[in-house]
Amino acid sequence: MARRPDGGSREDAGVHVTWLGHATVLLEVAGVRLLTDPLLRARFGPLRRRGDLPVHRHVDDVDAVLLSHLHHDHADLPSLRRLGHVPVLTDPANVPWVDRQHLGVGDASADEWRPVAPGVEVLLVRADHDARPMPHRPNGTTGMLVRGGGVVVWFAGDTSLHDEMTLLPELAGAPVDLALLPVGGWGPRLSPGHMGPAEAAEAAARSGARHVVPIHYGTLHPTGWPATRLGWTTDPGHRLVEVLPRWSDATLHVPDVGGAVRVTPRGGVPT
């Protein structure tokens, strides 16, 4: 198979994205499988997964986990342990916790690219999410840039809008091809430190992203919420369809949970 200088092949150029619900996304880049904020259970604590959604109880052969922060809907211990002993990339403040849980090798490089595999590397970037600090876990937060396969992916994590989003192409050394942007939450109202559809649209514009996939919505709800009154869970995705064109000419993809999108390098044809 012909190889490119960045370690990928012509056949695996670009990124294949599978949304598994909430903030859990499987990124396949140049043959490397990265999983963001794993939540692979139907219920935990006071939250439940929508009953009409598939539960991906295990994801095989993950090469690394990208952990934006340690709130329980992003850093679920049983889900993380199902993945086995794999590198966990997160904010430096969270690394001791990762190590204490024996999840894998906690790692973070705040100011430099971290190689995950030949041709694929990750850089921590700013995320503003200091609402609801936890007394029992570290509260480091981060977004991440992933570079490989001829594309740049921005996993925003949980964040509010901030000015440094305009610096992402400079940090990446290339335009942002795909932004994974949170647009909702697990309740009908958003707490501080989150983005709704309007803020996500502005974030897409600030970053100059070429493609957008909304995440962090449509999946979870509090225990006891009537199944007939869950329209608020999916509304953010519909609203982003309306508001994104006012801010950005990015191509919007709104997959179902378990659905996949492929974004090819600039000049290619996305499928």
C-alpha atoms as a PDB file:
ATOM      1  CA  MET A   1       0.000   0.000   0.000  1.00  0.00           C
ATOM      2  CA  ALA A   2       1.443   3.389  -0.961  1.00  0.00           C
ATOM      3  CA  ARG A   3       2.395   5.532   2.021  1.00  0.00           C
ATOM      4  CA  ARG A   4       2.373   9.302   2.310  1.00  0.00           C
ATOM      5  CA  PRO A   5       5.102  11.273   4.120  1.00  0.00           C
ATOM      6  CA  ASP A   6       2.747  11.899   7.081  1.00  0.00           C
ATOM      7  CA  GLY A   7       2.491   8.170   7.748  1.00  0.00           C
ATOM      8  CA  GLY A   8      -0.939   7.622   6.233  1.00  0.00           C
ATOM      9  CA  SER A   9      -1.900   6.005   2.953  1.00  0.00           C
ATOM     10  CA  ARG A  10      -3.872   7.253   0.028  1.00  0.00           C
ATOM     11  CA  GLU A  11      -6.651   4.865   1.002  1.00  0.00           C
ATOM     12  CA  ASP A  12      -6.961   6.205   4.571  1.00  0.00           C
ATOM     13  CA  ALA A  13      -6.558   9.927   3.867  1.00  0.00           C
ATOM     14  CA  GLY A  14      -8.992  12.089   5.799  1.00  0.00           C
ATOM     15  CA  VAL A  15     -10.981  11.215   8.902  1.00  0.00           C
ATOM     16  CA  HIS A  16     -13.866   8.798   9.431  1.00  0.00           C
ATOM     17  CA  VAL A  17     -16.119  10.042  12.251  1.00  0.00           C
ATOM     18  CA  THR A  18     -18.676   7.914  14.105  1.00  0.00           C
ATOM     19  CA  TRP A  19     -20.837   9.682  16.691  1.00  0.00           C
ATOM     20  CA  LEU A  20     -21.668   7.268  19.534  1.00  0.00           C
ATOM     21  CA  GLY A  21     -23.823   9.725  21.476  1.00  0.00           C
ATOM     22  CA  HIS A  22     -23.275  12.699  23.791  1.00  0.00           C
ATOM     23  CA  ALA A  23     -19.560  13.664  23.545  1.00  0.00           C
ATOM     24  CA  THR A  24     -18.344  10.204  22.523  1.00  0.00           C
ATOM     25  CA  VAL A  25     -16.896  10.159  19.008  1.00  0.00           C
ATOM     26  CA  LEU A  26     -14.728   7.563  17.308  1.00  0.00           C
ATOM     27  CA  LEU A  27     -12.156   9.210  15.045  1.00  0.00           C
ATOM     28  CA  GLU A  28     -10.319   6.997  12.571  1.00  0.00           C
ATOM     29  CA  VAL A  29      -7.342   8.878  11.184  1.00  0.00           C
ATOM     30  CA  ALA A  30      -4.578   7.275   9.109  1.00  0.00           C
ATOM     31  CA  GLY A  31      -5.424   3.871  10.568  1.00  0.00           C
ATOM     32  CA  VAL A  32      -5.439   5.187  14.157  1.00  0.00           C
ATOM     33  CA  ARG A  33      -8.597   4.937  16.300  1.00  0.00           C
ATOM     34  CA  LEU A  34      -9.177   7.735  18.817  1.00  0.00           C
ATOM     35  CA  LEU A  35     -12.168   7.845  21.157  1.00  0.00           C
ATOM     36  CA  THR A  36     -13.353  11.062  22.775  1.00  0.00           C
ATOM     37  CA  ASP A  37     -14.948  11.221  26.247  1.00  0.00           C
ATOM     38  CA  PRO A  38     -16.169   7.591  26.375  1.00  0.00           C
ATOM     39  CA  LEU A  39     -19.684   7.030  27.708  1.00  0.00           C
ATOM     40  CA  LEU A  40     -20.662   3.471  26.810  1.00  0.00           C
ATOM     41  CA  ARG A  41     -23.488   2.759  29.270  1.00  0.00           C
ATOM     42  CA  ALA A  42     -27.265   3.142  29.177  1.00  0.00           C
ATOM     43  CA  ARG A  43     -27.466   4.723  32.619  1.00  0.00           C
ATOM     44  CA  PHE A  44     -25.231   6.226  35.257  1.00  0.00           C
ATOM     45  CA  GLY A  45     -25.976   8.279  38.330  1.00  0.00           C
ATOM     46  CA  PRO A  46     -29.086  10.424  37.810  1.00  0.00           C
ATOM     47  CA  LEU A  47     -28.862  10.308  34.004  1.00  0.00           C
ATOM     48  CA  ARG A  48     -30.287   7.904  31.447  1.00  0.00           C
ATOM     49  CA  ARG A  49     -29.661   7.355  27.781  1.00  0.00           C
ATOM     50  CA  ARG A  50     -32.665   7.749  25.536  1.00  0.00           C
ATOM     51  CA  GLY A  51     -34.330   4.341  25.255  1.00  0.00           C
ATOM     52  CA  ASP A  52     -34.515   4.529  21.469  1.00  0.00           C
ATOM     53  CA  LEU A  53     -30.744   4.891  21.035  1.00  0.00           C
ATOM     54  CA  PRO A  54     -28.153   2.153  20.584  1.00  0.00           C
ATOM     55  CA  VAL A  55     -25.600   1.640  23.347  1.00  0.00           C
ATOM     56  CA  HIS A  56     -22.067   0.927  22.210  1.00  0.00           C
ATOM     57  CA  ARG A  57     -20.916  -1.055  25.201  1.00  0.00           C
ATOM     58  CA  HIS A  58     -17.418  -1.595  23.870  1.00  0.00           C
ATOM     59  CA  VAL A  59     -15.243  -0.131  21.155  1.00  0.00           C
ATOM     60  CA  ASP A  60     -12.582  -2.500  19.889  1.00  0.00           C
ATOM     61  CA  ASP A  61      -8.931  -1.661  19.321  1.00  0.00           C
ATOM     62  CA  VAL A  62      -8.879   1.947  20.471  1.00  0.00           C
ATOM     63  CA  ASP A  63      -5.378   3.411  20.188  1.00  0.00           C
ATOM     64  CA  ALA A  64      -5.932   6.366  22.548  1.00  0.00           C
ATOM     65  CA  VAL A  65      -8.621   8.207  24.502  1.00  0.00           C
ATOM     66  CA  LEU A  66      -9.049  11.969  24.249  1.00  0.00           C
ATOM     67  CA  LEU A  67     -10.474  13.091  27.600  1.00  0.00           C
ATOM     68  CA  SER A  68     -11.642  16.705  27.685  1.00  0.00           C
ATOM     69  CA  HIS A  69     -12.413  16.846  31.425  1.00  0.00           C
ATOM     70  CA  LEU A  70     -13.543  14.680  34.312  1.00  0.00           C
ATOM     71  CA  HIS A  71     -17.246  15.423  34.722  1.00  0.00           C
ATOM     72  CA  HIS A  72     -19.019  12.072  34.994  1.00  0.00           C
ATOM     73  CA  ASP A  73     -20.788  12.357  31.629  1.00  0.00           C
ATOM     74  CA  HIS A  74     -17.343  12.637  29.979  1.00  0.00           C
ATOM     75  CA  ALA A  75     -15.078  10.520  32.183  1.00  0.00           C
ATOM     76  CA  ASP A  76     -17.205   7.498  33.089  1.00  0.00           C
ATOM     77  CA  LEU A  77     -14.980   5.003  34.899  1.00  0.00           C
ATOM     78  CA  PRO A  78     -16.740   1.761  33.845  1.00  0.00           C
ATOM     79  CA  SER A  79     -16.679   2.909  30.215  1.00  0.00           C
ATOM     80  CA  LEU A  80     -13.017   3.875  30.393  1.00  0.00           C
ATOM     81  CA  ARG A  81     -12.074   0.555  31.971  1.00  0.00           C
ATOM     82  CA  ARG A  82     -13.767  -1.391  29.189  1.00  0.00           C
ATOM     83  CA  LEU A  83     -11.263   0.070  26.747  1.00  0.00           C
ATOM     84  CA  GLY A  84      -8.306  -1.637  28.369  1.00  0.00           C
ATOM     85  CA  HIS A  85      -4.888  -0.142  29.004  1.00  0.00           C
ATOM     86  CA  VAL A  86      -4.588   2.583  26.368  1.00  0.00           C
ATOM     87  CA  PRO A  87      -3.032   6.068  26.453  1.00  0.00           C
ATOM     88  CA  VAL A  88      -5.350   8.728  27.862  1.00  0.00           C
ATOM     89  CA  LEU A  89      -4.617  12.258  26.676  1.00  0.00           C
ATOM     90  CA  THR A  90      -6.015  14.952  28.943  1.00  0.00           C
ATOM     91  CA  ASP A  91      -5.228  18.188  30.741  1.00  0.00           C
ATOM     92  CA  PRO A  92      -2.087  17.940  32.918  1.00  0.00           C
ATOM     93  CA  ALA A  93      -4.151  18.520  36.075  1.00  0.00           C
ATOM     94  CA  ASN A  94      -6.090  15.321  35.352  1.00  0.00           C
ATOM     95  CA  VAL A  95      -3.134  13.005  34.730  1.00  0.00           C
ATOM     96  CA  PRO A  96      -2.630  11.931  38.385  1.00  0.00           C
ATOM     97  CA  TRP A  97      -6.295  10.907  38.571  1.00  0.00           C
ATOM     98  CA  VAL A  98      -5.987   8.872  35.372  1.00  0.00           C
ATOM     99  CA  ASP A  99      -2.914   7.140  36.764  1.00  0.00           C
ATOM    100  CA  ARG A 100      -4.574   6.409  40.119  1.00  0.00           C
ATOM    101  CA  GLN A 101      -7.476   4.725  38.348  1.00  0.00           C
ATOM    102  CA  HIS A 102      -5.054   2.481  36.397  1.00  0.00           C
ATOM    103  CA  LEU A 103      -6.851   3.392  33.179  1.00  0.00           C
ATOM    104  CA  GLY A 104      -3.786   3.625  31.003  1.00  0.00           C
ATOM    105  CA  VAL A 105      -0.842   5.917  30.689  1.00  0.00           C
ATOM    106  CA  GLY A 106      -2.087   9.396  31.497  1.00  0.00           C
ATOM    107  CA  ASP A 107      -0.401  11.896  29.219  1.00  0.00           C
ATOM    108  CA  ALA A 108      -0.582  15.549  28.389  1.00  0.00           C
ATOM    109  CA  SER A 109       1.700  18.021  26.683  1.00  0.00           C
ATOM    110  CA  ALA A 110       0.226  21.436  27.221  1.00  0.00           C
ATOM    111  CA  ASP A 111       2.362  23.300  24.688  1.00  0.00           C
ATOM    112  CA  GLU A 112       3.499  20.749  22.149  1.00  0.00           C
ATOM    113  CA  TRP A 113       2.119  18.118  19.810  1.00  0.00           C
ATOM    114  CA  ARG A 114       1.852  14.635  21.305  1.00  0.00           C
ATOM    115  CA  PRO A 115       2.494  11.812  18.793  1.00  0.00           C
ATOM    116  CA  VAL A 116      -0.111   9.058  19.101  1.00  0.00           C
ATOM    117  CA  ALA A 117       1.170   6.976  16.200  1.00  0.00           C
ATOM    118  CA  PRO A 118       3.285   7.681  13.103  1.00  0.00           C
ATOM    119  CA  GLY A 119       1.535  10.463  11.237  1.00  0.00           C
ATOM    120  CA  VAL A 120      -1.074  11.250  13.923  1.00  0.00           C
ATOM    121  CA  GLU A 121      -0.571  13.779  16.725  1.00  0.00           C
ATOM    122  CA  VAL A 122      -2.644  15.706  19.261  1.00  0.00           C
ATOM    123  CA  LEU A 123      -2.315  19.202  20.730  1.00  0.00           C
ATOM    124  CA  LEU A 124      -4.180  20.431  23.801  1.00  0.00           C
ATOM    125  CA  VAL A 125      -5.982  23.737  23.252  1.00  0.00           C
ATOM    126  CA  ARG A 126      -8.021  26.064  25.394  1.00  0.00           C
ATOM    127  CA  ALA A 127     -11.488  25.160  26.669  1.00  0.00           C
ATOM    128  CA  ASP A 128     -13.365  27.371  29.135  1.00  0.00           C
ATOM    129  CA  HIS A 129     -15.452  25.138  31.384  1.00  0.00           C
ATOM    130  CA  ASP A 130     -15.049  26.012  35.040  1.00  0.00           C
ATOM    131  CA  ALA A 131     -18.708  25.686  36.005  1.00  0.00           C
ATOM    132  CA  ARG A 132     -19.670  22.993  38.510  1.00  0.00           C
ATOM    133  CA  PRO A 133     -16.188  22.226  39.889  1.00  0.00           C
ATOM    134  CA  MET A 134     -15.908  18.782  41.446  1.00  0.00           C
ATOM    135  CA  PRO A 135     -14.498  18.321  44.965  1.00  0.00           C
ATOM    136  CA  HIS A 136     -13.498  14.684  44.369  1.00  0.00           C
ATOM    137  CA  ARG A 137     -11.812  14.895  40.956  1.00  0.00           C
ATOM    138  CA  PRO A 138      -9.373  17.338  39.332  1.00  0.00           C
ATOM    139  CA  ASN A 139     -11.007  20.038  37.259  1.00  0.00           C
ATOM    140  CA  GLY A 140      -8.624  20.429  34.338  1.00  0.00           C
ATOM    141  CA  THR A 141     -10.391  21.124  31.026  1.00  0.00           C
ATOM    142  CA  THR A 142      -9.108  21.074  27.482  1.00  0.00           C
ATOM    143  CA  GLY A 143     -10.032  20.948  23.852  1.00  0.00           C
ATOM    144  CA  MET A 144      -7.820  19.131  21.360  1.00  0.00           C
ATOM    145  CA  LEU A 145      -6.526  19.435  17.839  1.00  0.00           C
ATOM    146  CA  VAL A 146      -5.871  16.186  15.983  1.00  0.00           C
ATOM    147  CA  ARG A 147      -3.589  16.305  12.965  1.00  0.00           C
ATOM    148  CA  GLY A 148      -3.124  13.395  10.566  1.00  0.00           C
ATOM    149  CA  GLY A 149      -4.357  11.821   7.367  1.00  0.00           C
ATOM    150  CA  GLY A 150      -4.051  15.182   5.644  1.00  0.00           C
ATOM    151  CA  VAL A 151      -6.714  16.799   7.871  1.00  0.00           C
ATOM    152  CA  VAL A 152      -7.041  18.804  11.089  1.00  0.00           C
ATOM    153  CA  VAL A 153      -9.843  17.970  13.547  1.00  0.00           C
ATOM    154  CA  TRP A 154     -10.856  20.204  16.461  1.00  0.00           C
ATOM    155  CA  PHE A 155     -12.546  18.426  19.368  1.00  0.00           C
ATOM    156  CA  ALA A 156     -13.803  21.396  21.375  1.00  0.00           C
ATOM    157  CA  GLY A 157     -14.658  19.516  24.578  1.00  0.00           C
ATOM    158  CA  ASP A 158     -17.046  21.406  26.842  1.00  0.00           C
ATOM    159  CA  THR A 159     -16.425  25.129  26.494  1.00  0.00           C
ATOM    160  CA  SER A 160     -17.927  28.556  26.230  1.00  0.00           C
ATOM    161  CA  LEU A 161     -16.907  30.915  23.437  1.00  0.00           C
ATOM    162  CA  HIS A 162     -13.448  32.468  23.730  1.00  0.00           C
ATOM    163  CA  ASP A 163     -11.227  34.585  21.513  1.00  0.00           C
ATOM    164  CA  GLU A 164      -8.479  31.959  21.098  1.00  0.00           C
ATOM    165  CA  MET A 165     -10.739  29.935  18.807  1.00  0.00           C
ATOM    166  CA  THR A 166      -9.498  32.227  16.033  1.00  0.00           C
ATOM    167  CA  LEU A 167      -5.942  30.973  16.658  1.00  0.00           C
ATOM    168  CA  LEU A 168      -6.681  27.307  15.994  1.00  0.00           C
ATOM    169  CA  PRO A 169      -5.548  27.283  12.336  1.00  0.00           C
ATOM    170  CA  GLU A 170      -2.296  28.969  13.383  1.00  0.00           C
ATOM    171  CA  LEU A 171      -1.748  26.406  16.134  1.00  0.00           C
ATOM    172  CA  ALA A 172      -2.484  23.565  13.717  1.00  0.00           C
ATOM    173  CA  GLY A 173      -0.320  24.983  10.966  1.00  0.00           C
ATOM    174  CA  ALA A 174      -3.249  24.419   8.609  1.00  0.00           C
ATOM    175  CA  PRO A 175      -6.960  25.235   8.347  1.00  0.00           C
ATOM    176  CA  VAL A 176      -9.393  23.297  10.534  1.00  0.00           C
ATOM    177  CA  ASP A 177     -11.114  20.693   8.383  1.00  0.00           C
ATOM    178  CA  LEU A 178     -13.611  19.388  10.951  1.00  0.00           C
ATOM    179  CA  ALA A 179     -14.958  20.809  14.203  1.00  0.00           C
ATOM    180  CA  LEU A 180     -16.743  18.602  16.752  1.00  0.00           C
ATOM    181  CA  LEU A 181     -18.821  21.207  18.569  1.00  0.00           C
ATOM    182  CA  PRO A 182     -21.045  20.781  21.641  1.00  0.00           C
ATOM    183  CA  VAL A 183     -24.502  22.268  21.075  1.00  0.00           C
ATOM    184  CA  GLY A 184     -26.585  21.095  24.048  1.00  0.00           C
ATOM    185  CA  GLY A 185     -26.473  19.099  27.244  1.00  0.00           C
ATOM    186  CA  TRP A 186     -28.344  16.559  29.363  1.00  0.00           C
ATOM    187  CA  GLY A 187     -31.048  18.952  30.537  1.00  0.00           C
ATOM    188  CA  PRO A 188     -33.414  21.423  28.863  1.00  0.00           C
ATOM    189  CA  ARG A 189     -31.297  24.383  30.062  1.00  0.00           C
ATOM    190  CA  LEU A 190     -27.569  24.881  29.650  1.00  0.00           C
ATOM    191  CA  SER A 191     -25.370  25.799  32.582  1.00  0.00           C
ATOM    192  CA  PRO A 192     -22.438  28.226  32.154  1.00  0.00           C
ATOM    193  CA  GLY A 193     -19.398  26.854  30.338  1.00  0.00           C
ATOM    194  CA  HIS A 194     -21.387  25.309  27.500  1.00  0.00           C
ATOM    195  CA  MET A 195     -22.348  26.326  23.966  1.00  0.00           C
ATOM    196  CA  GLY A 196     -25.789  26.181  22.439  1.00  0.00           C
ATOM    197  CA  PRO A 197     -26.419  26.199  18.684  1.00  0.00           C
ATOM    198  CA  ALA A 198     -25.860  29.955  18.289  1.00  0.00           C
ATOM    199  CA  GLU A 199     -22.554  29.865  20.146  1.00  0.00           C
ATOM    200  CA  ALA A 200     -21.444  26.754  18.256  1.00  0.00           C
ATOM    201  CA  ALA A 201     -22.164  28.518  14.966  1.00  0.00           C
ATOM    202  CA  GLU A 202     -20.009  31.437  16.057  1.00  0.00           C
ATOM    203  CA  ALA A 203     -17.280  29.001  17.159  1.00  0.00           C
ATOM    204  CA  ALA A 204     -17.342  27.443  13.697  1.00  0.00           C
ATOM    205  CA  ALA A 205     -16.881  30.892  12.181  1.00  0.00           C
ATOM    206  CA  ARG A 206     -14.055  31.826  14.546  1.00  0.00           C
ATOM    207  CA  SER A 207     -12.160  28.610  13.827  1.00  0.00           C
ATOM    208  CA  GLY A 208     -12.802  28.730  10.076  1.00  0.00           C
ATOM    209  CA  ALA A 209     -13.849  25.073  10.171  1.00  0.00           C
ATOM    210  CA  ARG A 210     -14.670  23.516   6.809  1.00  0.00           C
ATOM    211  CA  HIS A 211     -17.039  20.869   8.243  1.00  0.00           C
ATOM    212  CA  VAL A 212     -18.999  20.722  11.511  1.00  0.00           C
ATOM    213  CA  VAL A 213     -20.478  17.782  13.433  1.00  0.00           C
ATOM    214  CA  PRO A 214     -22.601  18.699  16.489  1.00  0.00           C
ATOM    215  CA  ILE A 215     -22.128  16.648  19.651  1.00  0.00           C
ATOM    216  CA  HIS A 216     -23.118  16.768  23.339  1.00  0.00           C
ATOM    217  CA  TYR A 217     -26.867  16.662  22.739  1.00  0.00           C
ATOM    218  CA  GLY A 218     -29.682  14.304  21.851  1.00  0.00           C
ATOM    219  CA  THR A 219     -28.602  11.466  24.096  1.00  0.00           C
ATOM    220  CA  LEU A 220     -29.047  11.886  27.862  1.00  0.00           C
ATOM    221  CA  HIS A 221     -31.841  13.005  30.147  1.00  0.00           C
ATOM    222  CA  PRO A 222     -32.495  13.007  33.901  1.00  0.00           C
ATOM    223  CA  THR A 223     -34.057   9.913  35.440  1.00  0.00           C
ATOM    224  CA  GLY A 224     -37.823   9.980  35.414  1.00  0.00           C
ATOM    225  CA  TRP A 225     -38.204  12.378  32.518  1.00  0.00           C
ATOM    226  CA  PRO A 226     -41.274  11.318  30.460  1.00  0.00           C
ATOM    227  CA  ALA A 227     -40.310   9.602  27.222  1.00  0.00           C
ATOM    228  CA  THR A 228     -42.949  11.648  25.396  1.00  0.00           C
ATOM    229  CA  ARG A 229     -41.252  14.912  26.392  1.00  0.00           C
ATOM    230  CA  LEU A 230     -37.725  14.472  25.063  1.00  0.00           C
ATOM    231  CA  GLY A 231     -37.925  16.820  22.110  1.00  0.00           C
ATOM    232  CA  TRP A 232     -35.550  19.218  23.856  1.00  0.00           C
ATOM    233  CA  THR A 233     -32.767  16.630  23.579  1.00  0.00           C
ATOM    234  CA  THR A 234     -32.669  16.772  19.770  1.00  0.00           C
ATOM    235  CA  ASP A 235     -33.721  20.403  19.256  1.00  0.00           C
ATOM    236  CA  PRO A 236     -30.141  21.770  19.361  1.00  0.00           C
ATOM    237  CA  GLY A 237     -29.180  19.806  16.246  1.00  0.00           C
ATOM    238  CA  HIS A 238     -32.205  21.135  14.341  1.00  0.00           C
ATOM    239  CA  ARG A 239     -31.483  24.686  15.489  1.00  0.00           C
ATOM    240  CA  LEU A 240     -27.866  24.449  14.345  1.00  0.00           C
ATOM    241  CA  VAL A 241     -29.117  23.622  10.842  1.00  0.00           C
ATOM    242  CA  GLU A 242     -30.926  26.960  10.883  1.00  0.00           C
ATOM    243  CA  VAL A 243     -28.323  29.161  12.541  1.00  0.00           C
ATOM    244  CA  LEU A 244     -24.980  27.920  11.154  1.00  0.00           C
ATOM    245  CA  PRO A 245     -25.415  29.489   7.677  1.00  0.00           C
ATOM    246  CA  ARG A 246     -25.770  32.916   9.322  1.00  0.00           C
ATOM    247  CA  TRP A 247     -22.245  32.641  10.669  1.00  0.00           C
ATOM    248  CA  SER A 248     -20.297  30.224   8.509  1.00  0.00           C
ATOM    249  CA  ASP A 249     -20.202  28.515   5.128  1.00  0.00           C
ATOM    250  CA  ALA A 250     -19.046  25.277   6.778  1.00  0.00           C
ATOM    251  CA  THR A 251     -20.719  22.059   5.670  1.00  0.00           C
ATOM    252  CA  LEU A 252     -22.889  20.720   8.489  1.00  0.00           C
ATOM    253  CA  HIS A 253     -23.279  16.975   9.108  1.00  0.00           C
ATOM    254  CA  VAL A 254     -25.928  15.848  11.608  1.00  0.00           C
ATOM    255  CA  PRO A 255     -25.568  12.060  11.879  1.00  0.00           C
ATOM    256  CA  ASP A 256     -27.832   9.893  13.980  1.00  0.00           C
ATOM    257  CA  VAL A 257     -26.261   8.233  16.999  1.00  0.00           C
ATOM    258  CA  GLY A 258     -24.130   5.471  15.506  1.00  0.00           C
ATOM    259  CA  GLY A 259     -23.985   7.304  12.190  1.00  0.00           C
ATOM    260  CA  ALA A 260     -20.742   8.088  10.389  1.00  0.00           C
ATOM    261  CA  VAL A 261     -19.272  10.875   8.297  1.00  0.00           C
ATOM    262  CA  ARG A 262     -16.056  10.977   6.288  1.00  0.00           C
ATOM    263  CA  VAL A 263     -14.151  14.186   5.676  1.00  0.00           C
ATOM    264  CA  THR A 264     -11.378  14.083   3.094  1.00  0.00           C
ATOM    265  CA  PRO A 265      -8.432  16.478   2.772  1.00  0.00           C
ATOM    266  CA  ARG A 266      -9.019  19.774   1.031  1.00  0.00           C
ATOM    267  CA  GLY A 267      -9.507  19.145  -2.635  1.00  0.00           C
ATOM    268  CA  GLY A 268     -11.092  15.738  -1.954  1.00  0.00           C
ATOM    269  CA  VAL A 269     -14.770  14.870  -2.012  1.00  0.00           C
ATOM    270  CA  PRO A 270     -16.357  14.267   1.444  1.00  0.00           C
ATOM    271  CA  THR A 271     -18.779  11.348   1.761  1.00  0.00           C
END
